Amino acid sequence: MRVRLRAEQGVHDMGLKAPGIVTFMLSVILTVVVLMSKFFGAEIPWLTGNESWAMLVSYMILMLGCMVRGM
């Protein structure tokens, strides 16, 4: 996916690439832990009651991994 950005200095391409394996696995593991807590009733002290925030953090990790790798 390519996005054209117009700046005062000219036109720049911003290419998004796949994240690194560590970033991807961190996001997947956090997502699985959240789903286990939400749907199977696993009691995780810092996560119970904050599943929505943890899923948002997981998505942000994945999104930032794609954006930073593409620069």
PDB file of N, CA and C in Angstrom:
ATOM      1  N   MET A   1       0.851  -1.169   0.000  1.00  0.00           N
ATOM      2  CA  MET A   1       0.000   0.000   0.000  1.00  0.00           C
ATOM      3  C   MET A   1       0.900   1.235   0.000  1.00  0.00           C
ATOM      4  N   ARG A   2       0.691   2.105  -0.925  1.00  0.00           N
ATOM      5  CA  ARG A   2       1.467   3.339  -1.020  1.00  0.00           C
ATOM      6  C   ARG A   2       0.550   4.531  -0.796  1.00  0.00           C
ATOM      7  N   VAL A   3       1.049   5.475  -0.038  1.00  0.00           N
ATOM      8  CA  VAL A   3       0.317   6.707   0.223  1.00  0.00           C
ATOM      9  C   VAL A   3       1.187   7.863  -0.226  1.00  0.00           C
ATOM     10  N   ARG A   4       0.642   8.745  -1.017  1.00  0.00           N
ATOM     11  CA  ARG A   4       1.388   9.923  -1.456  1.00  0.00           C
ATOM     12  C   ARG A   4       1.117  11.055  -0.485  1.00  0.00           C
ATOM     13  N   LEU A   5       2.186  11.624   0.054  1.00  0.00           N
ATOM     14  CA  LEU A   5       2.077  12.747   0.973  1.00  0.00           C
ATOM     15  C   LEU A   5       2.640  13.989   0.310  1.00  0.00           C
ATOM     16  N   ARG A   6       1.907  15.070   0.371  1.00  0.00           N
ATOM     17  CA  ARG A   6       2.387  16.336  -0.184  1.00  0.00           C
ATOM     18  C   ARG A   6       2.916  17.189   0.960  1.00  0.00           C
ATOM     19  N   ALA A   7       4.136  17.605   0.825  1.00  0.00           N
ATOM     20  CA  ALA A   7       4.775  18.456   1.822  1.00  0.00           C
ATOM     21  C   ALA A   7       5.288  19.709   1.125  1.00  0.00           C
ATOM     22  N   GLU A   8       5.768  20.627   1.918  1.00  0.00           N
ATOM     23  CA  GLU A   8       6.292  21.849   1.337  1.00  0.00           C
ATOM     24  C   GLU A   8       7.524  21.580   0.480  1.00  0.00           C
ATOM     25  N   GLN A   9       8.274  20.535   0.797  1.00  0.00           N
ATOM     26  CA  GLN A   9       9.485  20.233   0.057  1.00  0.00           C
ATOM     27  C   GLN A   9       9.203  19.413  -1.208  1.00  0.00           C
ATOM     28  N   GLY A  10       8.028  18.876  -1.343  1.00  0.00           N
ATOM     29  CA  GLY A  10       7.707  18.057  -2.509  1.00  0.00           C
ATOM     30  C   GLY A  10       6.769  16.921  -2.144  1.00  0.00           C
ATOM     31  N   VAL A  11       6.725  15.942  -3.015  1.00  0.00           N
ATOM     32  CA  VAL A  11       5.846  14.796  -2.800  1.00  0.00           C
ATOM     33  C   VAL A  11       6.685  13.633  -2.279  1.00  0.00           C
ATOM     34  N   HIS A  12       6.213  12.996  -1.213  1.00  0.00           N
ATOM     35  CA  HIS A  12       6.920  11.880  -0.592  1.00  0.00           C
ATOM     36  C   HIS A  12       6.032  10.642  -0.622  1.00  0.00           C
ATOM     37  N   ASP A  13       6.651   9.491  -0.842  1.00  0.00           N
ATOM     38  CA  ASP A  13       5.929   8.223  -0.772  1.00  0.00           C
ATOM     39  C   ASP A  13       6.110   7.628   0.620  1.00  0.00           C
ATOM     40  N   MET A  14       5.014   7.144   1.175  1.00  0.00           N
ATOM     41  CA  MET A  14       5.081   6.451   2.452  1.00  0.00           C
ATOM     42  C   MET A  14       4.640   5.021   2.200  1.00  0.00           C
ATOM     43  N   GLY A  15       5.553   4.088   2.246  1.00  0.00           N
ATOM     44  CA  GLY A  15       5.230   2.696   1.995  1.00  0.00           C
ATOM     45  C   GLY A  15       5.084   1.939   3.301  1.00  0.00           C
ATOM     46  N   LEU A  16       3.978   1.223   3.460  1.00  0.00           N
ATOM     47  CA  LEU A  16       3.787   0.385   4.636  1.00  0.00           C
ATOM     48  C   LEU A  16       4.282  -1.011   4.313  1.00  0.00           C
ATOM     49  N   LYS A  17       5.032  -1.591   5.235  1.00  0.00           N
ATOM     50  CA  LYS A  17       5.572  -2.930   5.046  1.00  0.00           C
ATOM     51  C   LYS A  17       5.145  -3.813   6.197  1.00  0.00           C
ATOM     52  N   ALA A  18       5.359  -5.090   6.031  1.00  0.00           N
ATOM     53  CA  ALA A  18       5.028  -6.035   7.090  1.00  0.00           C
ATOM     54  C   ALA A  18       5.906  -5.769   8.310  1.00  0.00           C
ATOM     55  N   PRO A  19       5.353  -5.920   9.508  1.00  0.00           N
ATOM     56  CA  PRO A  19       6.168  -5.716  10.716  1.00  0.00           C
ATOM     57  C   PRO A  19       7.164  -6.854  10.888  1.00  0.00           C
ATOM     58  N   GLY A  20       8.103  -6.654  11.765  1.00  0.00           N
ATOM     59  CA  GLY A  20       9.066  -7.705  12.085  1.00  0.00           C
ATOM     60  C   GLY A  20       8.383  -8.845  12.824  1.00  0.00           C
ATOM     61  N   ILE A  21       9.025  -9.978  12.874  1.00  0.00           N
ATOM     62  CA  ILE A  21       8.432 -11.158  13.497  1.00  0.00           C
ATOM     63  C   ILE A  21       8.217 -10.955  14.990  1.00  0.00           C
ATOM     64  N   VAL A  22       9.114 -10.237  15.655  1.00  0.00           N
ATOM     65  CA  VAL A  22       8.961  -9.996  17.094  1.00  0.00           C
ATOM     66  C   VAL A  22       7.740  -9.117  17.358  1.00  0.00           C
ATOM     67  N   THR A  23       7.580  -8.065  16.591  1.00  0.00           N
ATOM     68  CA  THR A  23       6.436  -7.172  16.746  1.00  0.00           C
ATOM     69  C   THR A  23       5.137  -7.911  16.467  1.00  0.00           C
ATOM     70  N   PHE A  24       5.112  -8.691  15.405  1.00  0.00           N
ATOM     71  CA  PHE A  24       3.910  -9.440  15.048  1.00  0.00           C
ATOM     72  C   PHE A  24       3.551 -10.456  16.133  1.00  0.00           C
ATOM     73  N   MET A  25       4.545 -11.201  16.611  1.00  0.00           N
ATOM     74  CA  MET A  25       4.277 -12.213  17.629  1.00  0.00           C
ATOM     75  C   MET A  25       3.847 -11.586  18.951  1.00  0.00           C
ATOM     76  N   LEU A  26       4.424 -10.449  19.317  1.00  0.00           N
ATOM     77  CA  LEU A  26       4.003  -9.748  20.531  1.00  0.00           C
ATOM     78  C   LEU A  26       2.538  -9.358  20.442  1.00  0.00           C
ATOM     79  N   SER A  27       2.130  -8.847  19.306  1.00  0.00           N
ATOM     80  CA  SER A  27       0.745  -8.456  19.097  1.00  0.00           C
ATOM     81  C   SER A  27      -0.186  -9.669  19.126  1.00  0.00           C
ATOM     82  N   VAL A  28       0.217 -10.751  18.487  1.00  0.00           N
ATOM     83  CA  VAL A  28      -0.617 -11.960  18.464  1.00  0.00           C
ATOM     84  C   VAL A  28      -0.744 -12.567  19.857  1.00  0.00           C
ATOM     85  N   ILE A  29       0.353 -12.640  20.588  1.00  0.00           N
ATOM     86  CA  ILE A  29       0.307 -13.213  21.936  1.00  0.00           C
ATOM     87  C   ILE A  29      -0.578 -12.384  22.850  1.00  0.00           C
ATOM     88  N   LEU A  30      -0.459 -11.064  22.793  1.00  0.00           N
ATOM     89  CA  LEU A  30      -1.312 -10.202  23.608  1.00  0.00           C
ATOM     90  C   LEU A  30      -2.779 -10.368  23.230  1.00  0.00           C
ATOM     91  N   THR A  31      -3.068 -10.495  21.944  1.00  0.00           N
ATOM     92  CA  THR A  31      -4.444 -10.696  21.498  1.00  0.00           C
ATOM     93  C   THR A  31      -4.996 -12.018  22.007  1.00  0.00           C
ATOM     94  N   VAL A  32      -4.220 -13.080  21.929  1.00  0.00           N
ATOM     95  CA  VAL A  32      -4.677 -14.395  22.406  1.00  0.00           C
ATOM     96  C   VAL A  32      -4.924 -14.364  23.915  1.00  0.00           C
ATOM     97  N   VAL A  33      -4.048 -13.713  24.662  1.00  0.00           N
ATOM     98  CA  VAL A  33      -4.229 -13.610  26.108  1.00  0.00           C
ATOM     99  C   VAL A  33      -5.511 -12.854  26.435  1.00  0.00           C
ATOM    100  N   VAL A  34      -5.775 -11.769  25.706  1.00  0.00           N
ATOM    101  CA  VAL A  34      -7.003 -10.997  25.933  1.00  0.00           C
ATOM    102  C   VAL A  34      -8.233 -11.835  25.613  1.00  0.00           C
ATOM    103  N   LEU A  35      -8.202 -12.560  24.506  1.00  0.00           N
ATOM    104  CA  LEU A  35      -9.354 -13.390  24.139  1.00  0.00           C
ATOM    105  C   LEU A  35      -9.578 -14.508  25.147  1.00  0.00           C
ATOM    106  N   MET A  36      -8.514 -15.100  25.659  1.00  0.00           N
ATOM    107  CA  MET A  36      -8.661 -16.143  26.684  1.00  0.00           C
ATOM    108  C   MET A  36      -9.284 -15.555  27.946  1.00  0.00           C
ATOM    109  N   SER A  37      -8.880 -14.354  28.294  1.00  0.00           N
ATOM    110  CA  SER A  37      -9.435 -13.708  29.480  1.00  0.00           C
ATOM    111  C   SER A  37     -10.904 -13.360  29.280  1.00  0.00           C
ATOM    112  N   LYS A  38     -11.226 -12.876  28.116  1.00  0.00           N
ATOM    113  CA  LYS A  38     -12.594 -12.413  27.849  1.00  0.00           C
ATOM    114  C   LYS A  38     -13.585 -13.570  27.691  1.00  0.00           C
ATOM    115  N   PHE A  39     -13.235 -14.558  26.878  1.00  0.00           N
ATOM    116  CA  PHE A  39     -14.215 -15.593  26.525  1.00  0.00           C
ATOM    117  C   PHE A  39     -14.104 -16.866  27.338  1.00  0.00           C
ATOM    118  N   PHE A  40     -12.963 -17.136  27.946  1.00  0.00           N
ATOM    119  CA  PHE A  40     -12.809 -18.369  28.716  1.00  0.00           C
ATOM    120  C   PHE A  40     -12.692 -18.118  30.205  1.00  0.00           C
ATOM    121  N   GLY A  41     -12.757 -16.877  30.618  1.00  0.00           N
ATOM    122  CA  GLY A  41     -12.788 -16.542  32.040  1.00  0.00           C
ATOM    123  C   GLY A  41     -11.461 -16.659  32.759  1.00  0.00           C
ATOM    124  N   ALA A  42     -10.369 -16.597  32.048  1.00  0.00           N
ATOM    125  CA  ALA A  42      -9.054 -16.647  32.696  1.00  0.00           C
ATOM    126  C   ALA A  42      -8.866 -15.391  33.539  1.00  0.00           C
ATOM    127  N   GLU A  43      -8.399 -15.559  34.762  1.00  0.00           N
ATOM    128  CA  GLU A  43      -8.187 -14.427  35.663  1.00  0.00           C
ATOM    129  C   GLU A  43      -6.739 -13.965  35.570  1.00  0.00           C
ATOM    130  N   ILE A  44      -6.521 -12.846  34.938  1.00  0.00           N
ATOM    131  CA  ILE A  44      -5.192 -12.257  34.809  1.00  0.00           C
ATOM    132  C   ILE A  44      -5.246 -10.908  35.522  1.00  0.00           C
ATOM    133  N   PRO A  45      -4.442 -10.740  36.581  1.00  0.00           N
ATOM    134  CA  PRO A  45      -4.593  -9.569  37.464  1.00  0.00           C
ATOM    135  C   PRO A  45      -4.610  -8.218  36.767  1.00  0.00           C
ATOM    136  N   TRP A  46      -3.688  -7.921  35.893  1.00  0.00           N
ATOM    137  CA  TRP A  46      -3.629  -6.590  35.291  1.00  0.00           C
ATOM    138  C   TRP A  46      -4.559  -6.449  34.096  1.00  0.00           C
ATOM    139  N   LEU A  47      -5.150  -7.566  33.653  1.00  0.00           N
ATOM    140  CA  LEU A  47      -5.935  -7.556  32.427  1.00  0.00           C
ATOM    141  C   LEU A  47      -7.446  -7.617  32.667  1.00  0.00           C
ATOM    142  N   THR A  48      -7.856  -8.290  33.712  1.00  0.00           N
ATOM    143  CA  THR A  48      -9.279  -8.475  33.971  1.00  0.00           C
ATOM    144  C   THR A  48      -9.962  -7.121  34.147  1.00  0.00           C
ATOM    145  N   GLY A  49     -10.945  -6.875  33.299  1.00  0.00           N
ATOM    146  CA  GLY A  49     -11.663  -5.603  33.317  1.00  0.00           C
ATOM    147  C   GLY A  49     -11.097  -4.575  32.356  1.00  0.00           C
ATOM    148  N   ASN A  50      -9.931  -4.831  31.808  1.00  0.00           N
ATOM    149  CA  ASN A  50      -9.293  -3.898  30.882  1.00  0.00           C
ATOM    150  C   ASN A  50      -9.044  -4.533  29.523  1.00  0.00           C
ATOM    151  N   GLU A  51      -9.896  -5.447  29.117  1.00  0.00           N
ATOM    152  CA  GLU A  51      -9.685  -6.164  27.862  1.00  0.00           C
ATOM    153  C   GLU A  51      -9.704  -5.239  26.654  1.00  0.00           C
ATOM    154  N   SER A  52     -10.580  -4.267  26.664  1.00  0.00           N
ATOM    155  CA  SER A  52     -10.675  -3.346  25.528  1.00  0.00           C
ATOM    156  C   SER A  52      -9.383  -2.546  25.360  1.00  0.00           C
ATOM    157  N   TRP A  53      -8.829  -2.088  26.466  1.00  0.00           N
ATOM    158  CA  TRP A  53      -7.588  -1.324  26.396  1.00  0.00           C
ATOM    159  C   TRP A  53      -6.430  -2.197  25.933  1.00  0.00           C
ATOM    160  N   ALA A  54      -6.411  -3.443  26.394  1.00  0.00           N
ATOM    161  CA  ALA A  54      -5.333  -4.345  25.995  1.00  0.00           C
ATOM    162  C   ALA A  54      -5.419  -4.662  24.507  1.00  0.00           C
ATOM    163  N   MET A  55      -6.639  -4.829  23.973  1.00  0.00           N
ATOM    164  CA  MET A  55      -6.787  -5.067  22.538  1.00  0.00           C
ATOM    165  C   MET A  55      -6.345  -3.843  21.744  1.00  0.00           C
ATOM    166  N   LEU A  56      -6.652  -2.654  22.257  1.00  0.00           N
ATOM    167  CA  LEU A  56      -6.205  -1.426  21.599  1.00  0.00           C
ATOM    168  C   LEU A  56      -4.680  -1.340  21.595  1.00  0.00           C
ATOM    169  N   VAL A  57      -4.048  -1.682  22.699  1.00  0.00           N
ATOM    170  CA  VAL A  57      -2.586  -1.686  22.775  1.00  0.00           C
ATOM    171  C   VAL A  57      -2.003  -2.694  21.789  1.00  0.00           C
ATOM    172  N   SER A  58      -2.622  -3.862  21.695  1.00  0.00           N
ATOM    173  CA  SER A  58      -2.163  -4.883  20.760  1.00  0.00           C
ATOM    174  C   SER A  58      -2.222  -4.382  19.315  1.00  0.00           C
ATOM    175  N   TYR A  59      -3.318  -3.740  18.971  1.00  0.00           N
ATOM    176  CA  TYR A  59      -3.456  -3.202  17.615  1.00  0.00           C
ATOM    177  C   TYR A  59      -2.464  -2.068  17.372  1.00  0.00           C
ATOM    178  N   MET A  60      -2.246  -1.220  18.361  1.00  0.00           N
ATOM    179  CA  MET A  60      -1.307  -0.112  18.206  1.00  0.00           C
ATOM    180  C   MET A  60       0.123  -0.633  18.007  1.00  0.00           C
ATOM    181  N   ILE A  61       0.496  -1.698  18.729  1.00  0.00           N
ATOM    182  CA  ILE A  61       1.819  -2.299  18.542  1.00  0.00           C
ATOM    183  C   ILE A  61       1.970  -2.768  17.104  1.00  0.00           C
ATOM    184  N   LEU A  62       0.951  -3.444  16.596  1.00  0.00           N
ATOM    185  CA  LEU A  62       1.009  -3.947  15.230  1.00  0.00           C
ATOM    186  C   LEU A  62       1.048  -2.802  14.219  1.00  0.00           C
ATOM    187  N   MET A  63       0.230  -1.784  14.427  1.00  0.00           N
ATOM    188  CA  MET A  63       0.182  -0.654  13.514  1.00  0.00           C
ATOM    189  C   MET A  63       1.505   0.114  13.499  1.00  0.00           C
ATOM    190  N   LEU A  64       2.061   0.368  14.672  1.00  0.00           N
ATOM    191  CA  LEU A  64       3.337   1.076  14.747  1.00  0.00           C
ATOM    192  C   LEU A  64       4.466   0.245  14.144  1.00  0.00           C
ATOM    193  N   GLY A  65       4.384  -1.078  14.299  1.00  0.00           N
ATOM    194  CA  GLY A  65       5.376  -1.950  13.678  1.00  0.00           C
ATOM    195  C   GLY A  65       5.355  -1.837  12.165  1.00  0.00           C
ATOM    196  N   CYS A  66       4.180  -1.690  11.598  1.00  0.00           N
ATOM    197  CA  CYS A  66       4.072  -1.524  10.134  1.00  0.00           C
ATOM    198  C   CYS A  66       4.554  -0.148   9.705  1.00  0.00           C
ATOM    199  N   MET A  67       4.241   0.871  10.455  1.00  0.00           N
ATOM    200  CA  MET A  67       4.599   2.231  10.062  1.00  0.00           C
ATOM    201  C   MET A  67       6.090   2.502  10.219  1.00  0.00           C
ATOM    202  N   VAL A  68       6.680   2.059  11.317  1.00  0.00           N
ATOM    203  CA  VAL A  68       8.084   2.334  11.574  1.00  0.00           C
ATOM    204  C   VAL A  68       8.961   1.551  10.610  1.00  0.00           C
ATOM    205  N   ARG A  69       8.584   0.323  10.306  1.00  0.00           N
ATOM    206  CA  ARG A  69       9.375  -0.484   9.378  1.00  0.00           C
ATOM    207  C   ARG A  69       9.312   0.088   7.968  1.00  0.00           C
ATOM    208  N   GLY A  70       8.237   0.801   7.653  1.00  0.00           N
ATOM    209  CA  GLY A  70       8.075   1.335   6.308  1.00  0.00           C
ATOM    210  C   GLY A  70       8.833   2.629   6.067  1.00  0.00           C
ATOM    211  N   MET A  71       9.408   3.227   7.078  1.00  0.00           N
ATOM    212  CA  MET A  71      10.098   4.501   6.900  1.00  0.00           C
ATOM    213  C   MET A  71      11.471   4.320   6.324  1.00  0.00           C
TER     214      MET A  71
END
